[in-house]
């Protein structure tokens, strides 16, 4: 794991690596694949140096969304915060979700909110 990874991400990395070895997946590349998966998660959640720099410069992809710290929220947390948002704000969240995380469950819930 690269420097700067949290203990949580380090644990995820080790768990993935061990699981891949146990399952016989990615023979000889278990460490590399586990690191790539964890690094992708770190990037998605703004935990890498590059993502923190983007945020400082105002270029973070979730800037301007009606829900603060959107990238770190779970589906249930997002759903709980949708009350009081306009259809335009919900559409903005839906567009962002479809382009970035593309969580089918959340997209379905957003679509239902827009219909009613």
PDB file of N, CA and C in Angstrom:
ATOM      1  N   UNK A   1       0.839  -1.190   0.000  1.00  0.00           N
ATOM      2  CA  UNK A   1       0.000   0.000   0.000  1.00  0.00           C
ATOM      3  C   UNK A   1       0.876   1.242   0.000  1.00  0.00           C
ATOM      4  N   UNK A   2       0.434   2.261  -0.719  1.00  0.00           N
ATOM      5  CA  UNK A   2       1.191   3.511  -0.742  1.00  0.00           C
ATOM      6  C   UNK A   2       1.138   4.236   0.595  1.00  0.00           C
ATOM      7  N   UNK A   3       2.092   5.094   0.800  1.00  0.00           N
ATOM      8  CA  UNK A   3       2.106   5.909   2.013  1.00  0.00           C
ATOM      9  C   UNK A   3       0.839   6.752   2.054  1.00  0.00           C
ATOM     10  N   UNK A   4       0.307   6.933   3.227  1.00  0.00           N
ATOM     11  CA  UNK A   4      -0.884   7.750   3.376  1.00  0.00           C
ATOM     12  C   UNK A   4      -2.166   6.952   3.464  1.00  0.00           C
ATOM     13  N   UNK A   5      -2.094   5.643   3.256  1.00  0.00           N
ATOM     14  CA  UNK A   5      -3.294   4.813   3.362  1.00  0.00           C
ATOM     15  C   UNK A   5      -3.669   4.692   4.838  1.00  0.00           C
ATOM     16  N   UNK A   6      -4.951   4.742   5.110  1.00  0.00           N
ATOM     17  CA  UNK A   6      -5.421   4.634   6.487  1.00  0.00           C
ATOM     18  C   UNK A   6      -5.339   3.178   6.955  1.00  0.00           C
ATOM     19  N   UNK A   7      -5.348   2.966   8.253  1.00  0.00           N
ATOM     20  CA  UNK A   7      -5.359   1.574   8.751  1.00  0.00           C
ATOM     21  C   UNK A   7      -6.539   0.768   8.208  1.00  0.00           C
ATOM     22  N   UNK A   8      -7.675   1.427   8.017  1.00  0.00           N
ATOM     23  CA  UNK A   8      -8.847   0.751   7.469  1.00  0.00           C
ATOM     24  C   UNK A   8      -8.539   0.235   6.062  1.00  0.00           C
ATOM     25  N   UNK A   9      -7.968   1.090   5.219  1.00  0.00           N
ATOM     26  CA  UNK A   9      -7.651   0.689   3.838  1.00  0.00           C
ATOM     27  C   UNK A   9      -6.546  -0.369   3.834  1.00  0.00           C
ATOM     28  N   UNK A  10      -5.612  -0.254   4.734  1.00  0.00           N
ATOM     29  CA  UNK A  10      -4.547  -1.256   4.844  1.00  0.00           C
ATOM     30  C   UNK A  10      -5.155  -2.618   5.173  1.00  0.00           C
ATOM     31  N   UNK A  11      -6.120  -2.640   6.087  1.00  0.00           N
ATOM     32  CA  UNK A  11      -6.796  -3.882   6.441  1.00  0.00           C
ATOM     33  C   UNK A  11      -7.586  -4.456   5.267  1.00  0.00           C
ATOM     34  N   UNK A  12      -8.248  -3.579   4.507  1.00  0.00           N
ATOM     35  CA  UNK A  12      -8.982  -4.031   3.323  1.00  0.00           C
ATOM     36  C   UNK A  12      -8.029  -4.654   2.312  1.00  0.00           C
ATOM     37  N   UNK A  13      -6.871  -4.015   2.139  1.00  0.00           N
ATOM     38  CA  UNK A  13      -5.868  -4.522   1.208  1.00  0.00           C
ATOM     39  C   UNK A  13      -5.427  -5.926   1.607  1.00  0.00           C
ATOM     40  N   UNK A  14      -5.070  -6.101   2.875  1.00  0.00           N
ATOM     41  CA  UNK A  14      -4.600  -7.410   3.349  1.00  0.00           C
ATOM     42  C   UNK A  14      -5.693  -8.472   3.226  1.00  0.00           C
ATOM     43  N   UNK A  15      -6.924  -8.085   3.537  1.00  0.00           N
ATOM     44  CA  UNK A  15      -8.041  -9.022   3.436  1.00  0.00           C
ATOM     45  C   UNK A  15      -8.260  -9.466   1.985  1.00  0.00           C
ATOM     46  N   UNK A  16      -8.236  -8.519   1.060  1.00  0.00           N
ATOM     47  CA  UNK A  16      -8.394  -8.858  -0.355  1.00  0.00           C
ATOM     48  C   UNK A  16      -7.268  -9.765  -0.837  1.00  0.00           C
ATOM     49  N   UNK A  17      -6.049  -9.398  -0.483  1.00  0.00           N
ATOM     50  CA  UNK A  17      -4.887 -10.187  -0.906  1.00  0.00           C
ATOM     51  C   UNK A  17      -5.011 -11.629  -0.413  1.00  0.00           C
ATOM     52  N   UNK A  18      -5.366 -11.817   0.851  1.00  0.00           N
ATOM     53  CA  UNK A  18      -5.515 -13.157   1.419  1.00  0.00           C
ATOM     54  C   UNK A  18      -6.657 -13.928   0.748  1.00  0.00           C
ATOM     55  N   UNK A  19      -7.753 -13.230   0.499  1.00  0.00           N
ATOM     56  CA  UNK A  19      -8.892 -13.891  -0.147  1.00  0.00           C
ATOM     57  C   UNK A  19      -8.527 -14.354  -1.558  1.00  0.00           C
ATOM     58  N   UNK A  20      -7.802 -13.506  -2.302  1.00  0.00           N
ATOM     59  CA  UNK A  20      -7.388 -13.881  -3.649  1.00  0.00           C
ATOM     60  C   UNK A  20      -6.468 -15.097  -3.620  1.00  0.00           C
ATOM     61  N   UNK A  21      -5.552 -15.135  -2.659  1.00  0.00           N
ATOM     62  CA  UNK A  21      -4.646 -16.282  -2.536  1.00  0.00           C
ATOM     63  C   UNK A  21      -5.422 -17.547  -2.202  1.00  0.00           C
ATOM     64  N   UNK A  22      -6.359 -17.427  -1.274  1.00  0.00           N
ATOM     65  CA  UNK A  22      -7.153 -18.579  -0.846  1.00  0.00           C
ATOM     66  C   UNK A  22      -8.006 -19.123  -1.997  1.00  0.00           C
ATOM     67  N   UNK A  23      -8.574 -18.210  -2.793  1.00  0.00           N
ATOM     68  CA  UNK A  23      -9.443 -18.609  -3.900  1.00  0.00           C
ATOM     69  C   UNK A  23      -8.655 -18.986  -5.151  1.00  0.00           C
ATOM     70  N   UNK A  24      -7.358 -18.698  -5.156  1.00  0.00           N
ATOM     71  CA  UNK A  24      -6.539 -18.994  -6.329  1.00  0.00           C
ATOM     72  C   UNK A  24      -6.763 -18.027  -7.482  1.00  0.00           C
ATOM     73  N   UNK A  25      -7.255 -16.858  -7.158  1.00  0.00           N
ATOM     74  CA  UNK A  25      -7.503 -15.855  -8.195  1.00  0.00           C
ATOM     75  C   UNK A  25      -6.264 -14.978  -8.388  1.00  0.00           C
ATOM     76  N   UNK A  26      -6.047 -14.542  -9.608  1.00  0.00           N
ATOM     77  CA  UNK A  26      -4.958 -13.615  -9.947  1.00  0.00           C
ATOM     78  C   UNK A  26      -3.590 -14.168  -9.535  1.00  0.00           C
ATOM     79  N   UNK A  27      -3.350 -15.414  -9.779  1.00  0.00           N
ATOM     80  CA  UNK A  27      -2.101 -16.073  -9.359  1.00  0.00           C
ATOM     81  C   UNK A  27      -0.868 -15.217  -9.669  1.00  0.00           C
ATOM     82  N   UNK A  28      -0.102 -14.957  -8.618  1.00  0.00           N
ATOM     83  CA  UNK A  28       1.113 -14.161  -8.741  1.00  0.00           C
ATOM     84  C   UNK A  28       0.875 -12.666  -8.789  1.00  0.00           C
ATOM     85  N   UNK A  29      -0.382 -12.254  -8.888  1.00  0.00           N
ATOM     86  CA  UNK A  29      -0.709 -10.833  -8.983  1.00  0.00           C
ATOM     87  C   UNK A  29      -1.672 -10.391  -7.879  1.00  0.00           C
ATOM     88  N   UNK A  30      -1.827 -11.222  -6.859  1.00  0.00           N
ATOM     89  CA  UNK A  30      -2.796 -10.931  -5.795  1.00  0.00           C
ATOM     90  C   UNK A  30      -2.554  -9.570  -5.160  1.00  0.00           C
ATOM     91  N   UNK A  31      -1.297  -9.282  -4.848  1.00  0.00           N
ATOM     92  CA  UNK A  31      -0.948  -8.020  -4.193  1.00  0.00           C
ATOM     93  C   UNK A  31      -1.270  -6.837  -5.104  1.00  0.00           C
ATOM     94  N   UNK A  32      -0.903  -6.964  -6.368  1.00  0.00           N
ATOM     95  CA  UNK A  32      -1.139  -5.881  -7.329  1.00  0.00           C
ATOM     96  C   UNK A  32      -2.635  -5.592  -7.485  1.00  0.00           C
ATOM     97  N   UNK A  33      -3.431  -6.633  -7.662  1.00  0.00           N
ATOM     98  CA  UNK A  33      -4.870  -6.450  -7.869  1.00  0.00           C
ATOM     99  C   UNK A  33      -5.523  -5.870  -6.614  1.00  0.00           C
ATOM    100  N   UNK A  34      -5.153  -6.380  -5.451  1.00  0.00           N
ATOM    101  CA  UNK A  34      -5.707  -5.853  -4.196  1.00  0.00           C
ATOM    102  C   UNK A  34      -5.348  -4.375  -4.037  1.00  0.00           C
ATOM    103  N   UNK A  35      -4.115  -4.013  -4.353  1.00  0.00           N
ATOM    104  CA  UNK A  35      -3.694  -2.613  -4.250  1.00  0.00           C
ATOM    105  C   UNK A  35      -4.474  -1.732  -5.221  1.00  0.00           C
ATOM    106  N   UNK A  36      -4.688  -2.224  -6.428  1.00  0.00           N
ATOM    107  CA  UNK A  36      -5.448  -1.440  -7.413  1.00  0.00           C
ATOM    108  C   UNK A  36      -6.881  -1.197  -6.943  1.00  0.00           C
ATOM    109  N   UNK A  37      -7.507  -2.226  -6.389  1.00  0.00           N
ATOM    110  CA  UNK A  37      -8.882  -2.093  -5.908  1.00  0.00           C
ATOM    111  C   UNK A  37      -8.951  -1.071  -4.775  1.00  0.00           C
ATOM    112  N   UNK A  38      -8.048  -1.201  -3.814  1.00  0.00           N
ATOM    113  CA  UNK A  38      -8.065  -0.289  -2.663  1.00  0.00           C
ATOM    114  C   UNK A  38      -7.709   1.132  -3.100  1.00  0.00           C
ATOM    115  N   UNK A  39      -6.764   1.278  -4.001  1.00  0.00           N
ATOM    116  CA  UNK A  39      -6.406   2.620  -4.479  1.00  0.00           C
ATOM    117  C   UNK A  39      -7.556   3.269  -5.242  1.00  0.00           C
ATOM    118  N   UNK A  40      -8.316   2.481  -5.988  1.00  0.00           N
ATOM    119  CA  UNK A  40      -9.481   3.021  -6.689  1.00  0.00           C
ATOM    120  C   UNK A  40     -10.502   3.530  -5.676  1.00  0.00           C
ATOM    121  N   UNK A  41     -10.708   2.763  -4.605  1.00  0.00           N
ATOM    122  CA  UNK A  41     -11.632   3.198  -3.554  1.00  0.00           C
ATOM    123  C   UNK A  41     -11.124   4.476  -2.894  1.00  0.00           C
ATOM    124  N   UNK A  42      -9.838   4.530  -2.616  1.00  0.00           N
ATOM    125  CA  UNK A  42      -9.267   5.728  -1.992  1.00  0.00           C
ATOM    126  C   UNK A  42      -9.503   6.945  -2.877  1.00  0.00           C
ATOM    127  N   UNK A  43      -9.325   6.775  -4.168  1.00  0.00           N
ATOM    128  CA  UNK A  43      -9.527   7.874  -5.101  1.00  0.00           C
ATOM    129  C   UNK A  43     -11.001   8.296  -5.143  1.00  0.00           C
ATOM    130  N   UNK A  44     -11.900   7.317  -5.203  1.00  0.00           N
ATOM    131  CA  UNK A  44     -13.327   7.614  -5.249  1.00  0.00           C
ATOM    132  C   UNK A  44     -13.804   8.372  -4.022  1.00  0.00           C
ATOM    133  N   UNK A  45     -13.216   8.077  -2.883  1.00  0.00           N
ATOM    134  CA  UNK A  45     -13.640   8.712  -1.639  1.00  0.00           C
ATOM    135  C   UNK A  45     -12.772   9.906  -1.249  1.00  0.00           C
ATOM    136  N   UNK A  46     -11.945  10.378  -2.189  1.00  0.00           N
ATOM    137  CA  UNK A  46     -11.164  11.588  -1.952  1.00  0.00           C
ATOM    138  C   UNK A  46     -10.048  11.424  -0.945  1.00  0.00           C
ATOM    139  N   UNK A  47      -9.504  10.205  -0.819  1.00  0.00           N
ATOM    140  CA  UNK A  47      -8.482   9.939   0.186  1.00  0.00           C
ATOM    141  C   UNK A  47      -7.058  10.018  -0.361  1.00  0.00           C
ATOM    142  N   UNK A  48      -6.900  10.237  -1.646  1.00  0.00           N
ATOM    143  CA  UNK A  48      -5.551  10.310  -2.214  1.00  0.00           C
ATOM    144  C   UNK A  48      -5.090  11.767  -2.252  1.00  0.00           C
ATOM    145  N   UNK A  49      -3.805  11.937  -2.346  1.00  0.00           N
ATOM    146  CA  UNK A  49      -3.231  13.279  -2.409  1.00  0.00           C
ATOM    147  C   UNK A  49      -3.808  14.049  -3.603  1.00  0.00           C
ATOM    148  N   UNK A  50      -3.906  13.391  -4.749  1.00  0.00           N
ATOM    149  CA  UNK A  50      -4.413  14.051  -5.956  1.00  0.00           C
ATOM    150  C   UNK A  50      -5.867  14.494  -5.779  1.00  0.00           C
ATOM    151  N   UNK A  51      -6.683  13.652  -5.168  1.00  0.00           N
ATOM    152  CA  UNK A  51      -8.094  14.007  -4.955  1.00  0.00           C
ATOM    153  C   UNK A  51      -8.239  15.138  -3.943  1.00  0.00           C
ATOM    154  N   UNK A  52      -7.415  15.130  -2.902  1.00  0.00           N
ATOM    155  CA  UNK A  52      -7.462  16.227  -1.926  1.00  0.00           C
ATOM    156  C   UNK A  52      -7.041  17.536  -2.589  1.00  0.00           C
ATOM    157  N   UNK A  53      -6.073  17.462  -3.480  1.00  0.00           N
ATOM    158  CA  UNK A  53      -5.617  18.655  -4.206  1.00  0.00           C
ATOM    159  C   UNK A  53      -6.725  19.198  -5.107  1.00  0.00           C
ATOM    160  N   UNK A  54      -7.439  18.308  -5.796  1.00  0.00           N
ATOM    161  CA  UNK A  54      -8.570  18.729  -6.633  1.00  0.00           C
ATOM    162  C   UNK A  54      -9.606  19.447  -5.787  1.00  0.00           C
ATOM    163  N   UNK A  55      -9.869  18.906  -4.614  1.00  0.00           N
ATOM    164  CA  UNK A  55     -10.867  19.506  -3.739  1.00  0.00           C
ATOM    165  C   UNK A  55     -10.438  20.907  -3.312  1.00  0.00           C
ATOM    166  N   UNK A  56      -9.156  21.072  -2.990  1.00  0.00           N
ATOM    167  CA  UNK A  56      -8.648  22.389  -2.592  1.00  0.00           C
ATOM    168  C   UNK A  56      -8.798  23.398  -3.722  1.00  0.00           C
ATOM    169  N   UNK A  57      -8.628  22.934  -4.959  1.00  0.00           N
ATOM    170  CA  UNK A  57      -8.707  23.814  -6.122  1.00  0.00           C
ATOM    171  C   UNK A  57     -10.147  24.026  -6.594  1.00  0.00           C
ATOM    172  N   UNK A  58     -11.091  23.380  -5.922  1.00  0.00           N
ATOM    173  CA  UNK A  58     -12.486  23.526  -6.307  1.00  0.00           C
ATOM    174  C   UNK A  58     -12.870  22.674  -7.502  1.00  0.00           C
ATOM    175  N   UNK A  59     -12.078  21.656  -7.807  1.00  0.00           N
ATOM    176  CA  UNK A  59     -12.342  20.812  -8.969  1.00  0.00           C
ATOM    177  C   UNK A  59     -12.879  19.440  -8.587  1.00  0.00           C
ATOM    178  N   UNK A  60     -13.232  19.260  -7.342  1.00  0.00           N
ATOM    179  CA  UNK A  60     -13.759  17.976  -6.894  1.00  0.00           C
ATOM    180  C   UNK A  60     -15.046  17.683  -7.653  1.00  0.00           C
ATOM    181  N   UNK A  61     -15.236  16.439  -8.123  1.00  0.00           N
ATOM    182  CA  UNK A  61     -16.410  16.148  -8.936  1.00  0.00           C
ATOM    183  C   UNK A  61     -17.738  16.307  -8.211  1.00  0.00           C
ATOM    184  N   UNK A  62     -17.742  16.226  -6.876  1.00  0.00           N
ATOM    185  CA  UNK A  62     -19.021  16.373  -6.184  1.00  0.00           C
ATOM    186  C   UNK A  62     -19.268  17.804  -5.692  1.00  0.00           C
ATOM    187  N   UNK A  63     -18.434  18.738  -6.132  1.00  0.00           N
ATOM    188  CA  UNK A  63     -18.668  20.150  -5.805  1.00  0.00           C
ATOM    189  C   UNK A  63     -19.955  20.603  -6.473  1.00  0.00           C
ATOM    190  N   UNK A  64     -20.707  21.414  -5.795  1.00  0.00           N
ATOM    191  CA  UNK A  64     -21.916  21.967  -6.376  1.00  0.00           C
ATOM    192  C   UNK A  64     -23.139  21.069  -6.234  1.00  0.00           C
ATOM    193  N   UNK A  65     -22.983  19.899  -5.652  1.00  0.00           N
ATOM    194  CA  UNK A  65     -24.142  19.054  -5.415  1.00  0.00           C
ATOM    195  C   UNK A  65     -24.884  19.558  -4.184  1.00  0.00           C
ATOM    196  N   UNK A  66     -26.193  19.368  -4.151  1.00  0.00           N
ATOM    197  CA  UNK A  66     -26.954  19.874  -3.007  1.00  0.00           C
ATOM    198  C   UNK A  66     -26.712  19.113  -1.702  1.00  0.00           C
ATOM    199  N   UNK A  67     -25.991  17.992  -1.747  1.00  0.00           N
ATOM    200  CA  UNK A  67     -25.658  17.251  -0.534  1.00  0.00           C
ATOM    201  C   UNK A  67     -24.155  17.339  -0.304  1.00  0.00           C
ATOM    202  N   UNK A  68     -23.770  17.858   0.843  1.00  0.00           N
ATOM    203  CA  UNK A  68     -22.356  18.027   1.168  1.00  0.00           C
ATOM    204  C   UNK A  68     -21.676  16.668   1.369  1.00  0.00           C
ATOM    205  N   UNK A  69     -20.424  16.567   0.932  1.00  0.00           N
ATOM    206  CA  UNK A  69     -19.623  15.340   1.056  1.00  0.00           C
ATOM    207  C   UNK A  69     -20.330  14.132   0.444  1.00  0.00           C
ATOM    208  N   UNK A  70     -20.940  14.326  -0.706  1.00  0.00           N
ATOM    209  CA  UNK A  70     -21.727  13.283  -1.356  1.00  0.00           C
ATOM    210  C   UNK A  70     -20.941  11.993  -1.542  1.00  0.00           C
ATOM    211  N   UNK A  71     -19.674  12.087  -1.943  1.00  0.00           N
ATOM    212  CA  UNK A  71     -18.886  10.891  -2.246  1.00  0.00           C
ATOM    213  C   UNK A  71     -18.724   9.966  -1.053  1.00  0.00           C
ATOM    214  N   UNK A  72     -18.848  10.484   0.138  1.00  0.00           N
ATOM    215  CA  UNK A  72     -18.634   9.655   1.321  1.00  0.00           C
ATOM    216  C   UNK A  72     -19.933   9.068   1.878  1.00  0.00           C
ATOM    217  N   UNK A  73     -21.080   9.452   1.300  1.00  0.00           N
ATOM    218  CA  UNK A  73     -22.371   9.022   1.836  1.00  0.00           C
ATOM    219  C   UNK A  73     -22.788   7.653   1.299  1.00  0.00           C
ATOM    220  N   UNK A  74     -23.456   6.903   2.149  1.00  0.00           N
ATOM    221  CA  UNK A  74     -24.023   5.623   1.728  1.00  0.00           C
ATOM    222  C   UNK A  74     -25.391   5.880   1.096  1.00  0.00           C
ATOM    223  N   UNK A  75     -25.951   4.856   0.479  1.00  0.00           N
ATOM    224  CA  UNK A  75     -27.264   5.000  -0.150  1.00  0.00           C
ATOM    225  C   UNK A  75     -28.309   5.417   0.876  1.00  0.00           C
ATOM    226  N   UNK A  76     -28.320   4.787   2.030  1.00  0.00           N
ATOM    227  CA  UNK A  76     -29.327   5.126   3.046  1.00  0.00           C
ATOM    228  C   UNK A  76     -29.135   6.553   3.570  1.00  0.00           C
ATOM    229  N   UNK A  77     -27.885   6.992   3.679  1.00  0.00           N
ATOM    230  CA  UNK A  77     -27.637   8.370   4.124  1.00  0.00           C
ATOM    231  C   UNK A  77     -28.123   9.370   3.073  1.00  0.00           C
ATOM    232  N   UNK A  78     -27.899   9.053   1.817  1.00  0.00           N
ATOM    233  CA  UNK A  78     -28.369   9.944   0.743  1.00  0.00           C
ATOM    234  C   UNK A  78     -29.888   9.996   0.737  1.00  0.00           C
ATOM    235  N   UNK A  79     -30.513   8.823   0.808  1.00  0.00           N
ATOM    236  CA  UNK A  79     -31.973   8.757   0.783  1.00  0.00           C
ATOM    237  C   UNK A  79     -32.584   9.567   1.922  1.00  0.00           C
ATOM    238  N   UNK A  80     -31.976   9.509   3.094  1.00  0.00           N
ATOM    239  CA  UNK A  80     -32.495  10.246   4.251  1.00  0.00           C
ATOM    240  C   UNK A  80     -32.386  11.758   4.056  1.00  0.00           C
ATOM    241  N   UNK A  81     -31.487  12.193   3.207  1.00  0.00           N
ATOM    242  CA  UNK A  81     -31.271  13.635   3.012  1.00  0.00           C
ATOM    243  C   UNK A  81     -31.992  14.198   1.794  1.00  0.00           C
ATOM    244  N   UNK A  82     -32.760  13.375   1.098  1.00  0.00           N
ATOM    245  CA  UNK A  82     -33.437  13.832  -0.110  1.00  0.00           C
ATOM    246  C   UNK A  82     -34.673  14.675   0.186  1.00  0.00           C
ATOM    247  N   UNK A  83     -35.291  14.472   1.341  1.00  0.00           N
ATOM    248  CA  UNK A  83     -36.484  15.252   1.681  1.00  0.00           C
ATOM    249  C   UNK A  83     -36.134  16.729   1.687  1.00  0.00           C
ATOM    250  N   UNK A  84     -36.974  17.504   1.083  1.00  0.00           N
ATOM    251  CA  UNK A  84     -36.757  18.946   1.042  1.00  0.00           C
ATOM    252  C   UNK A  84     -35.976  19.411  -0.181  1.00  0.00           C
ATOM    253  N   UNK A  85     -35.442  18.475  -0.967  1.00  0.00           N
ATOM    254  CA  UNK A  85     -34.739  18.872  -2.183  1.00  0.00           C
ATOM    255  C   UNK A  85     -35.734  19.015  -3.327  1.00  0.00           C
ATOM    256  N   UNK A  86     -35.474  19.959  -4.203  1.00  0.00           N
ATOM    257  CA  UNK A  86     -36.338  20.148  -5.363  1.00  0.00           C
ATOM    258  C   UNK A  86     -36.066  19.066  -6.404  1.00  0.00           C
ATOM    259  N   UNK A  87     -36.967  18.941  -7.373  1.00  0.00           N
ATOM    260  CA  UNK A  87     -36.751  17.979  -8.457  1.00  0.00           C
ATOM    261  C   UNK A  87     -35.462  18.294  -9.217  1.00  0.00           C
ATOM    262  N   UNK A  88     -35.167  19.567  -9.396  1.00  0.00           N
ATOM    263  CA  UNK A  88     -33.944  19.960 -10.104  1.00  0.00           C
ATOM    264  C   UNK A  88     -32.705  19.490  -9.345  1.00  0.00           C
ATOM    265  N   UNK A  89     -32.726  19.615  -8.019  1.00  0.00           N
ATOM    266  CA  UNK A  89     -31.592  19.168  -7.204  1.00  0.00           C
ATOM    267  C   UNK A  89     -31.459  17.645  -7.242  1.00  0.00           C
ATOM    268  N   UNK A  90     -32.591  16.952  -7.205  1.00  0.00           N
ATOM    269  CA  UNK A  90     -32.554  15.487  -7.283  1.00  0.00           C
ATOM    270  C   UNK A  90     -32.039  15.047  -8.646  1.00  0.00           C
ATOM    271  N   UNK A  91     -32.447  15.739  -9.706  1.00  0.00           N
ATOM    272  CA  UNK A  91     -31.927  15.419 -11.053  1.00  0.00           C
ATOM    273  C   UNK A  91     -30.421  15.634 -11.125  1.00  0.00           C
ATOM    274  N   UNK A  92     -29.931  16.664 -10.469  1.00  0.00           N
ATOM    275  CA  UNK A  92     -28.496  16.943 -10.448  1.00  0.00           C
ATOM    276  C   UNK A  92     -27.743  15.805  -9.766  1.00  0.00           C
ATOM    277  N   UNK A  93     -28.289  15.328  -8.652  1.00  0.00           N
ATOM    278  CA  UNK A  93     -27.687  14.199  -7.939  1.00  0.00           C
ATOM    279  C   UNK A  93     -27.738  12.949  -8.806  1.00  0.00           C
ATOM    280  N   UNK A  94     -28.865  12.721  -9.478  1.00  0.00           N
ATOM    281  CA  UNK A  94     -29.012  11.539 -10.312  1.00  0.00           C
ATOM    282  C   UNK A  94     -28.003  11.546 -11.459  1.00  0.00           C
ATOM    283  N   UNK A  95     -27.825  12.695 -12.089  1.00  0.00           N
ATOM    284  CA  UNK A  95     -26.867  12.813 -13.190  1.00  0.00           C
ATOM    285  C   UNK A  95     -25.455  12.517 -12.701  1.00  0.00           C
ATOM    286  N   UNK A  96     -25.098  13.085 -11.549  1.00  0.00           N
ATOM    287  CA  UNK A  96     -23.776  12.829 -10.977  1.00  0.00           C
ATOM    288  C   UNK A  96     -23.605  11.342 -10.660  1.00  0.00           C
ATOM    289  N   UNK A  97     -24.610  10.758 -10.032  1.00  0.00           N
ATOM    290  CA  UNK A  97     -24.546   9.344  -9.647  1.00  0.00           C
ATOM    291  C   UNK A  97     -24.372   8.449 -10.867  1.00  0.00           C
ATOM    292  N   UNK A  98     -25.117   8.718 -11.916  1.00  0.00           N
ATOM    293  CA  UNK A  98     -25.040   7.901 -13.127  1.00  0.00           C
ATOM    294  C   UNK A  98     -23.661   7.998 -13.776  1.00  0.00           C
ATOM    295  N   UNK A  99     -23.029   9.149 -13.701  1.00  0.00           N
ATOM    296  CA  UNK A  99     -21.713   9.344 -14.332  1.00  0.00           C
ATOM    297  C   UNK A  99     -20.557   8.831 -13.485  1.00  0.00           C
ATOM    298  N   UNK A 100     -20.739   8.768 -12.178  1.00  0.00           N
ATOM    299  CA  UNK A 100     -19.612   8.435 -11.314  1.00  0.00           C
ATOM    300  C   UNK A 100     -19.734   7.066 -10.653  1.00  0.00           C
ATOM    301  N   UNK A 101     -20.618   6.917  -9.708  1.00  0.00           N
ATOM    302  CA  UNK A 101     -20.691   5.653  -8.968  1.00  0.00           C
ATOM    303  C   UNK A 101     -21.654   4.657  -9.606  1.00  0.00           C
ATOM    304  N   UNK A 102     -22.709   5.153 -10.213  1.00  0.00           N
ATOM    305  CA  UNK A 102     -23.667   4.330 -10.950  1.00  0.00           C
ATOM    306  C   UNK A 102     -24.253   3.202 -10.106  1.00  0.00           C
ATOM    307  N   UNK A 103     -24.654   3.532  -8.876  1.00  0.00           N
ATOM    308  CA  UNK A 103     -25.267   2.540  -7.989  1.00  0.00           C
ATOM    309  C   UNK A 103     -26.731   2.377  -8.394  1.00  0.00           C
ATOM    310  N   UNK A 104     -27.056   1.205  -8.920  1.00  0.00           N
ATOM    311  CA  UNK A 104     -28.385   0.937  -9.483  1.00  0.00           C
ATOM    312  C   UNK A 104     -29.500   1.155  -8.464  1.00  0.00           C
ATOM    313  N   UNK A 105     -29.293   0.711  -7.233  1.00  0.00           N
ATOM    314  CA  UNK A 105     -30.312   0.873  -6.193  1.00  0.00           C
ATOM    315  C   UNK A 105     -30.619   2.344  -5.968  1.00  0.00           C
ATOM    316  N   UNK A 106     -29.586   3.157  -5.874  1.00  0.00           N
ATOM    317  CA  UNK A 106     -29.792   4.590  -5.645  1.00  0.00           C
ATOM    318  C   UNK A 106     -30.426   5.249  -6.861  1.00  0.00           C
ATOM    319  N   UNK A 107     -29.975   4.895  -8.049  1.00  0.00           N
ATOM    320  CA  UNK A 107     -30.576   5.473  -9.254  1.00  0.00           C
ATOM    321  C   UNK A 107     -32.070   5.162  -9.306  1.00  0.00           C
ATOM    322  N   UNK A 108     -32.445   3.951  -8.956  1.00  0.00           N
ATOM    323  CA  UNK A 108     -33.858   3.563  -8.939  1.00  0.00           C
ATOM    324  C   UNK A 108     -34.634   4.411  -7.926  1.00  0.00           C
ATOM    325  N   UNK A 109     -34.070   4.615  -6.748  1.00  0.00           N
ATOM    326  CA  UNK A 109     -34.736   5.416  -5.722  1.00  0.00           C
ATOM    327  C   UNK A 109     -34.867   6.867  -6.165  1.00  0.00           C
ATOM    328  N   UNK A 110     -33.850   7.395  -6.806  1.00  0.00           N
ATOM    329  CA  UNK A 110     -33.918   8.776  -7.315  1.00  0.00           C
ATOM    330  C   UNK A 110     -34.982   8.896  -8.398  1.00  0.00           C
ATOM    331  N   UNK A 111     -35.034   7.904  -9.287  1.00  0.00           N
ATOM    332  CA  UNK A 111     -36.055   7.919 -10.344  1.00  0.00           C
ATOM    333  C   UNK A 111     -37.465   7.916  -9.750  1.00  0.00           C
ATOM    334  N   UNK A 112     -37.680   7.100  -8.716  1.00  0.00           N
ATOM    335  CA  UNK A 112     -38.996   7.062  -8.065  1.00  0.00           C
ATOM    336  C   UNK A 112     -39.352   8.417  -7.462  1.00  0.00           C
ATOM    337  N   UNK A 113     -38.380   9.097  -6.894  1.00  0.00           N
ATOM    338  CA  UNK A 113     -38.642  10.421  -6.311  1.00  0.00           C
ATOM    339  C   UNK A 113     -39.030  11.427  -7.394  1.00  0.00           C
ATOM    340  N   UNK A 114     -38.416  11.310  -8.561  1.00  0.00           N
ATOM    341  CA  UNK A 114     -38.693  12.241  -9.639  1.00  0.00           C
ATOM    342  C   UNK A 114     -40.060  12.023 -10.264  1.00  0.00           C
ATOM    343  N   UNK A 115     -40.549  10.809 -10.228  1.00  0.00           N
ATOM    344  CA  UNK A 115     -41.851  10.491 -10.808  1.00  0.00           C
ATOM    345  C   UNK A 115     -42.982  11.088  -9.980  1.00  0.00           C
ATOM    346  N   UNK A 116     -42.834  11.020  -8.649  1.00  0.00           N
ATOM    347  CA  UNK A 116     -43.907  11.468  -7.753  1.00  0.00           C
ATOM    348  C   UNK A 116     -43.902  12.927  -7.595  1.00  0.00           C
TER     349      UNK A 116
END
